[in-house]
Amino acid sequence: MDYSLTTRLAAEFFGTAIMIILGNGSVATVDLERTKGSNSVGSSFQLVMASLL
């Protein structure tokens, strides 16, 4: 399959945006100690999912 340059750039942009949003959420959850997700398995799951996308 041969996609146009615009389609490839849009896919790269949205993929990177998803990784940044999930990554920032997992780091914030771990760093903020008074949150419900501090030191939880869910934050690790978020980081793995961001990496796999």
Protein backbone atom coordinates (compact mmCIF):
# COMPACT_ATOMS: atom_id res chain seq x y z
CA MET A 1 0.00 0.00 0.00
CA ASP A 2 1.24 3.42 -0.88
CA TYR A 3 -0.19 6.24 1.21
CA SER A 4 0.13 9.91 0.41
CA LEU A 5 2.55 12.10 2.30
CA THR A 6 -0.29 13.91 4.08
CA THR A 7 -1.76 10.63 5.35
CA ARG A 8 1.60 9.41 6.61
CA LEU A 9 2.33 12.72 8.36
CA ALA A 10 -1.12 12.75 10.01
CA ALA A 11 -0.68 9.16 11.22
CA GLU A 12 2.75 9.98 12.64
CA PHE A 13 1.39 13.10 14.37
CA PHE A 14 -1.56 11.34 16.00
CA GLY A 15 0.52 8.31 17.01
CA THR A 16 3.09 10.55 18.67
CA ALA A 17 0.35 12.58 20.38
CA ILE A 18 -1.19 9.42 21.85
CA MET A 19 2.18 8.25 23.16
CA ILE A 20 2.89 11.65 24.75
CA ILE A 21 -0.54 11.88 26.38
CA LEU A 22 -0.40 8.36 27.85
CA GLY A 23 3.24 8.76 28.86
CA ASN A 24 2.64 12.06 30.64
CA GLY A 25 -0.37 10.60 32.42
CA SER A 26 1.59 7.65 33.72
CA VAL A 27 4.53 9.78 34.87
CA ALA A 28 2.19 12.24 36.60
CA THR A 29 0.38 9.40 38.34
CA VAL A 30 3.62 8.01 39.74
CA ASP A 31 5.15 11.36 40.69
CA LEU A 32 2.09 12.82 42.43
CA GLU A 33 2.09 10.96 45.71
CA ARG A 34 -1.36 11.88 46.95
CA THR A 35 -3.16 10.44 43.92
CA LYS A 36 -5.06 7.17 43.84
CA GLY A 37 -2.73 5.67 41.25
CA SER A 38 0.54 6.29 43.02
CA ASN A 39 2.71 3.13 42.99
CA SER A 40 0.12 1.08 41.16
CA VAL A 41 0.17 -1.49 38.40
CA GLY A 42 -2.10 0.72 36.28
CA SER A 43 0.65 3.26 35.73
CA SER A 44 2.92 0.51 34.44
CA PHE A 45 0.16 -0.69 32.13
CA GLN A 46 -0.24 2.84 30.72
CA LEU A 47 3.46 3.06 29.99
CA VAL A 48 3.50 -0.33 28.24
CA MET A 49 0.46 0.57 26.13
CA ALA A 50 2.04 3.88 25.10
CA SER A 51 5.17 2.02 24.04
CA LEU A 52 3.28 -0.59 22.05
CA LEU A 53 1.28 1.97 20.08
